[in-house]
Amino acid sequence: MSLSDDQIRRIARLARIAIGDAESAEVRSRLNRVLGLIDELQAVDTEGIQPMSHPLEVHLPQGQPLREDKVTETDRRAAYQSGAPAVEGGLYLVPQVIE
């Protein structure tokens, strides 16, 4: 897939990016390279290949070792909230901005 100058201008407008005519050619070239890489990836035959949940599964057939699910830090909420101007029930109170 190759992008046209009109498509580049539309993408820039949607992204709220100001692109001049000189920059447009460079941006088009870069985006076309990215789209070319995507086309290459989509052309690869992946029939019969199981998806991996983690890239390390190739090196660790037994799966990614997980650490034990336990609390490792103490509750420091009161210490963190001690510097706040207003706290109630463990929540920070802020001024109302929308009526």
N, C-alpha and C. Protein backbone atom coordinates (compact mmCIF):
# COMPACT_ATOMS: atom_id res chain seq x y z
N MET A 1 0.85 -1.18 0.00
CA MET A 1 0.00 0.00 0.00
C MET A 1 0.89 1.24 0.00
N SER A 2 0.51 2.21 -0.78
CA SER A 2 1.27 3.44 -0.86
C SER A 2 0.33 4.62 -0.64
N LEU A 3 0.77 5.55 0.16
CA LEU A 3 -0.06 6.72 0.47
C LEU A 3 0.18 7.84 -0.52
N SER A 4 -0.87 8.58 -0.81
CA SER A 4 -0.76 9.73 -1.70
C SER A 4 -0.54 11.00 -0.87
N ASP A 5 -0.23 12.09 -1.55
CA ASP A 5 -0.04 13.37 -0.85
C ASP A 5 -1.33 13.81 -0.16
N ASP A 6 -2.48 13.57 -0.81
CA ASP A 6 -3.76 13.93 -0.20
C ASP A 6 -3.99 13.15 1.09
N GLN A 7 -3.65 11.88 1.08
CA GLN A 7 -3.81 11.06 2.28
C GLN A 7 -2.87 11.53 3.39
N ILE A 8 -1.67 11.91 3.05
CA ILE A 8 -0.71 12.43 4.04
C ILE A 8 -1.26 13.71 4.66
N ARG A 9 -1.79 14.61 3.83
CA ARG A 9 -2.35 15.85 4.37
C ARG A 9 -3.55 15.57 5.28
N ARG A 10 -4.37 14.59 4.90
CA ARG A 10 -5.53 14.25 5.72
C ARG A 10 -5.09 13.64 7.06
N ILE A 11 -4.12 12.76 7.02
CA ILE A 11 -3.60 12.17 8.26
C ILE A 11 -3.02 13.25 9.16
N ALA A 12 -2.27 14.18 8.57
CA ALA A 12 -1.68 15.28 9.35
C ALA A 12 -2.77 16.15 9.95
N ARG A 13 -3.82 16.40 9.19
CA ARG A 13 -4.92 17.23 9.72
C ARG A 13 -5.62 16.51 10.86
N LEU A 14 -5.87 15.21 10.70
CA LEU A 14 -6.52 14.44 11.76
C LEU A 14 -5.66 14.37 13.02
N ALA A 15 -4.34 14.33 12.84
CA ALA A 15 -3.42 14.27 13.97
C ALA A 15 -3.09 15.65 14.51
N ARG A 16 -3.63 16.68 13.87
CA ARG A 16 -3.39 18.07 14.27
C ARG A 16 -1.90 18.40 14.21
N ILE A 17 -1.26 17.94 13.11
CA ILE A 17 0.16 18.19 12.89
C ILE A 17 0.30 19.07 11.65
N ALA A 18 1.04 20.16 11.79
CA ALA A 18 1.28 21.04 10.65
C ALA A 18 2.46 20.50 9.86
N ILE A 19 2.22 20.14 8.61
CA ILE A 19 3.26 19.59 7.74
C ILE A 19 3.32 20.44 6.48
N GLY A 20 4.51 20.91 6.15
CA GLY A 20 4.71 21.66 4.93
C GLY A 20 4.89 20.73 3.75
N ASP A 21 4.94 21.30 2.54
CA ASP A 21 5.11 20.47 1.34
C ASP A 21 6.44 19.73 1.34
N ALA A 22 7.49 20.37 1.84
CA ALA A 22 8.80 19.72 1.88
C ALA A 22 8.79 18.54 2.85
N GLU A 23 8.12 18.70 3.98
CA GLU A 23 8.04 17.63 4.97
C GLU A 23 7.11 16.51 4.51
N SER A 24 6.12 16.84 3.72
CA SER A 24 5.13 15.87 3.28
C SER A 24 5.78 14.70 2.56
N ALA A 25 6.75 14.97 1.71
CA ALA A 25 7.42 13.90 0.96
C ALA A 25 8.18 12.97 1.89
N GLU A 26 8.84 13.55 2.89
CA GLU A 26 9.59 12.71 3.84
C GLU A 26 8.65 11.88 4.70
N VAL A 27 7.56 12.49 5.15
CA VAL A 27 6.58 11.76 5.96
C VAL A 27 5.96 10.64 5.15
N ARG A 28 5.61 10.93 3.89
CA ARG A 28 5.04 9.90 3.01
C ARG A 28 6.01 8.74 2.85
N SER A 29 7.30 9.04 2.65
CA SER A 29 8.30 8.00 2.49
C SER A 29 8.39 7.13 3.74
N ARG A 30 8.41 7.74 4.90
CA ARG A 30 8.52 6.98 6.15
C ARG A 30 7.27 6.12 6.39
N LEU A 31 6.09 6.72 6.18
CA LEU A 31 4.87 5.96 6.39
C LEU A 31 4.75 4.81 5.39
N ASN A 32 5.17 5.03 4.16
CA ASN A 32 5.13 3.96 3.16
C ASN A 32 6.07 2.82 3.54
N ARG A 33 7.22 3.14 4.15
CA ARG A 33 8.13 2.08 4.62
C ARG A 33 7.47 1.26 5.73
N VAL A 34 6.79 1.94 6.67
CA VAL A 34 6.09 1.24 7.75
C VAL A 34 4.99 0.35 7.17
N LEU A 35 4.22 0.89 6.24
CA LEU A 35 3.16 0.09 5.62
C LEU A 35 3.74 -1.08 4.84
N GLY A 36 4.91 -0.91 4.24
CA GLY A 36 5.58 -2.00 3.55
C GLY A 36 5.98 -3.11 4.51
N LEU A 37 6.46 -2.74 5.69
CA LEU A 37 6.82 -3.75 6.70
C LEU A 37 5.57 -4.50 7.17
N ILE A 38 4.47 -3.78 7.33
CA ILE A 38 3.22 -4.43 7.73
C ILE A 38 2.78 -5.41 6.65
N ASP A 39 2.89 -5.02 5.38
CA ASP A 39 2.55 -5.94 4.28
C ASP A 39 3.43 -7.18 4.32
N GLU A 40 4.72 -7.03 4.61
CA GLU A 40 5.61 -8.18 4.70
C GLU A 40 5.18 -9.12 5.82
N LEU A 41 4.82 -8.56 6.97
CA LEU A 41 4.39 -9.38 8.10
C LEU A 41 3.09 -10.12 7.78
N GLN A 42 2.18 -9.45 7.09
CA GLN A 42 0.91 -10.09 6.76
C GLN A 42 1.08 -11.17 5.71
N ALA A 43 2.16 -11.13 4.94
CA ALA A 43 2.40 -12.13 3.90
C ALA A 43 2.95 -13.43 4.47
N VAL A 44 3.42 -13.43 5.71
CA VAL A 44 4.00 -14.63 6.32
C VAL A 44 2.88 -15.64 6.60
N ASP A 45 3.12 -16.90 6.22
CA ASP A 45 2.15 -17.97 6.46
C ASP A 45 2.24 -18.41 7.92
N THR A 46 1.19 -18.16 8.69
CA THR A 46 1.17 -18.52 10.11
C THR A 46 0.17 -19.64 10.38
N GLU A 47 -0.23 -20.33 9.34
CA GLU A 47 -1.20 -21.43 9.49
C GLU A 47 -0.59 -22.52 10.36
N GLY A 48 -1.31 -22.94 11.39
CA GLY A 48 -0.86 -24.02 12.25
C GLY A 48 0.11 -23.60 13.34
N ILE A 49 0.39 -22.33 13.47
CA ILE A 49 1.31 -21.86 14.50
C ILE A 49 0.50 -21.35 15.68
N GLN A 50 0.79 -21.89 16.86
CA GLN A 50 0.08 -21.48 18.07
C GLN A 50 0.57 -20.11 18.53
N PRO A 51 -0.33 -19.22 18.89
CA PRO A 51 0.12 -17.93 19.42
C PRO A 51 0.80 -18.10 20.78
N MET A 52 1.77 -17.24 21.04
CA MET A 52 2.47 -17.28 22.32
C MET A 52 1.91 -16.20 23.23
N SER A 53 1.85 -16.49 24.51
CA SER A 53 1.41 -15.47 25.46
C SER A 53 2.57 -14.58 25.87
N HIS A 54 3.79 -15.06 25.64
CA HIS A 54 4.98 -14.30 26.00
C HIS A 54 6.12 -14.73 25.08
N PRO A 55 6.94 -13.80 24.59
CA PRO A 55 8.01 -14.18 23.67
C PRO A 55 9.06 -15.10 24.28
N LEU A 56 9.14 -15.17 25.58
CA LEU A 56 10.13 -16.06 26.21
C LEU A 56 9.71 -17.52 26.14
N GLU A 57 8.49 -17.80 25.69
CA GLU A 57 8.06 -19.19 25.59
C GLU A 57 8.95 -19.99 24.64
N VAL A 58 9.59 -19.32 23.70
CA VAL A 58 10.50 -20.00 22.78
C VAL A 58 11.69 -20.56 23.56
N HIS A 59 12.17 -19.81 24.55
CA HIS A 59 13.33 -20.21 25.33
C HIS A 59 12.95 -20.95 26.61
N LEU A 60 11.72 -20.75 27.08
CA LEU A 60 11.26 -21.40 28.30
C LEU A 60 9.99 -22.20 27.98
N PRO A 61 10.13 -23.43 27.51
CA PRO A 61 8.95 -24.20 27.10
C PRO A 61 7.95 -24.42 28.23
N GLN A 62 8.41 -24.41 29.46
CA GLN A 62 7.50 -24.60 30.59
C GLN A 62 6.71 -23.34 30.89
N GLY A 63 7.03 -22.26 30.23
CA GLY A 63 6.30 -21.01 30.43
C GLY A 63 7.11 -20.02 31.24
N GLN A 64 6.58 -18.84 31.33
CA GLN A 64 7.22 -17.77 32.10
C GLN A 64 7.06 -18.05 33.59
N PRO A 65 8.16 -18.12 34.34
CA PRO A 65 8.02 -18.34 35.77
C PRO A 65 7.41 -17.09 36.42
N LEU A 66 6.42 -17.31 37.24
CA LEU A 66 5.75 -16.21 37.91
C LEU A 66 6.16 -16.17 39.37
N ARG A 67 6.25 -14.98 39.90
CA ARG A 67 6.59 -14.86 41.31
C ARG A 67 5.35 -15.11 42.15
N GLU A 68 5.57 -15.43 43.40
CA GLU A 68 4.48 -15.68 44.31
C GLU A 68 3.67 -14.40 44.52
N ASP A 69 2.36 -14.54 44.54
CA ASP A 69 1.48 -13.38 44.70
C ASP A 69 1.33 -13.07 46.19
N LYS A 70 2.17 -12.16 46.66
CA LYS A 70 2.09 -11.79 48.07
C LYS A 70 2.41 -10.31 48.21
N VAL A 71 1.94 -9.71 49.29
CA VAL A 71 2.17 -8.30 49.56
C VAL A 71 3.63 -8.13 49.97
N THR A 72 4.33 -7.20 49.30
CA THR A 72 5.74 -6.99 49.60
C THR A 72 6.00 -5.61 50.20
N GLU A 73 5.02 -4.72 50.16
CA GLU A 73 5.21 -3.39 50.72
C GLU A 73 4.11 -3.10 51.72
N THR A 74 4.44 -2.28 52.68
CA THR A 74 3.46 -1.91 53.70
C THR A 74 2.56 -0.79 53.17
N ASP A 75 1.40 -0.64 53.81
CA ASP A 75 0.45 0.40 53.44
C ASP A 75 0.97 1.75 53.92
N ARG A 76 1.29 2.64 52.99
CA ARG A 76 1.83 3.95 53.34
C ARG A 76 0.90 5.08 52.91
N ARG A 77 -0.40 4.76 52.75
CA ARG A 77 -1.35 5.76 52.28
C ARG A 77 -1.39 6.97 53.19
N ALA A 78 -1.41 6.77 54.50
CA ALA A 78 -1.47 7.90 55.43
C ALA A 78 -0.24 8.79 55.28
N ALA A 79 0.92 8.20 55.10
CA ALA A 79 2.14 8.99 54.93
C ALA A 79 2.09 9.78 53.62
N TYR A 80 1.59 9.16 52.56
CA TYR A 80 1.51 9.85 51.27
C TYR A 80 0.48 10.98 51.31
N GLN A 81 -0.60 10.78 52.03
CA GLN A 81 -1.65 11.78 52.08
C GLN A 81 -1.41 12.85 53.14
N SER A 82 -0.38 12.70 53.95
CA SER A 82 -0.13 13.69 55.01
C SER A 82 0.20 15.07 54.44
N GLY A 83 0.73 15.15 53.24
CA GLY A 83 1.06 16.44 52.65
C GLY A 83 -0.05 17.04 51.82
N ALA A 84 -1.16 16.33 51.68
CA ALA A 84 -2.27 16.83 50.87
C ALA A 84 -3.05 17.90 51.63
N PRO A 85 -3.57 18.91 50.93
CA PRO A 85 -4.33 19.97 51.61
C PRO A 85 -5.63 19.47 52.21
N ALA A 86 -6.31 18.50 51.56
CA ALA A 86 -7.59 18.02 52.09
C ALA A 86 -7.77 16.54 51.74
N VAL A 87 -8.04 15.75 52.78
CA VAL A 87 -8.25 14.32 52.61
C VAL A 87 -9.45 13.92 53.45
N GLU A 88 -10.29 13.03 52.90
CA GLU A 88 -11.43 12.53 53.66
C GLU A 88 -11.67 11.08 53.28
N GLY A 89 -11.69 10.20 54.27
CA GLY A 89 -11.94 8.79 54.03
C GLY A 89 -10.92 8.13 53.12
N GLY A 90 -9.67 8.60 53.17
CA GLY A 90 -8.63 8.02 52.34
C GLY A 90 -8.62 8.56 50.91
N LEU A 91 -9.45 9.55 50.62
CA LEU A 91 -9.51 10.13 49.28
C LEU A 91 -9.03 11.57 49.31
N TYR A 92 -8.41 12.00 48.22
CA TYR A 92 -7.98 13.39 48.09
C TYR A 92 -9.20 14.24 47.72
N LEU A 93 -9.38 15.34 48.41
CA LEU A 93 -10.46 16.28 48.08
C LEU A 93 -9.88 17.40 47.24
N VAL A 94 -10.56 17.70 46.14
CA VAL A 94 -10.10 18.75 45.23
C VAL A 94 -11.24 19.75 45.01
N PRO A 95 -10.92 20.97 44.63
CA PRO A 95 -11.98 21.93 44.38
C PRO A 95 -12.84 21.51 43.17
N GLN A 96 -14.12 21.84 43.24
CA GLN A 96 -15.03 21.53 42.14
C GLN A 96 -14.72 22.45 40.97
N VAL A 97 -14.59 21.88 39.77
CA VAL A 97 -14.28 22.69 38.60
C VAL A 97 -15.42 22.71 37.59
N ILE A 98 -16.33 21.75 37.65
CA ILE A 98 -17.47 21.70 36.74
C ILE A 98 -18.74 21.81 37.56
N GLU A 99 -19.60 22.70 37.15
CA GLU A 99 -20.86 22.87 37.87
C GLU A 99 -21.99 22.18 37.17
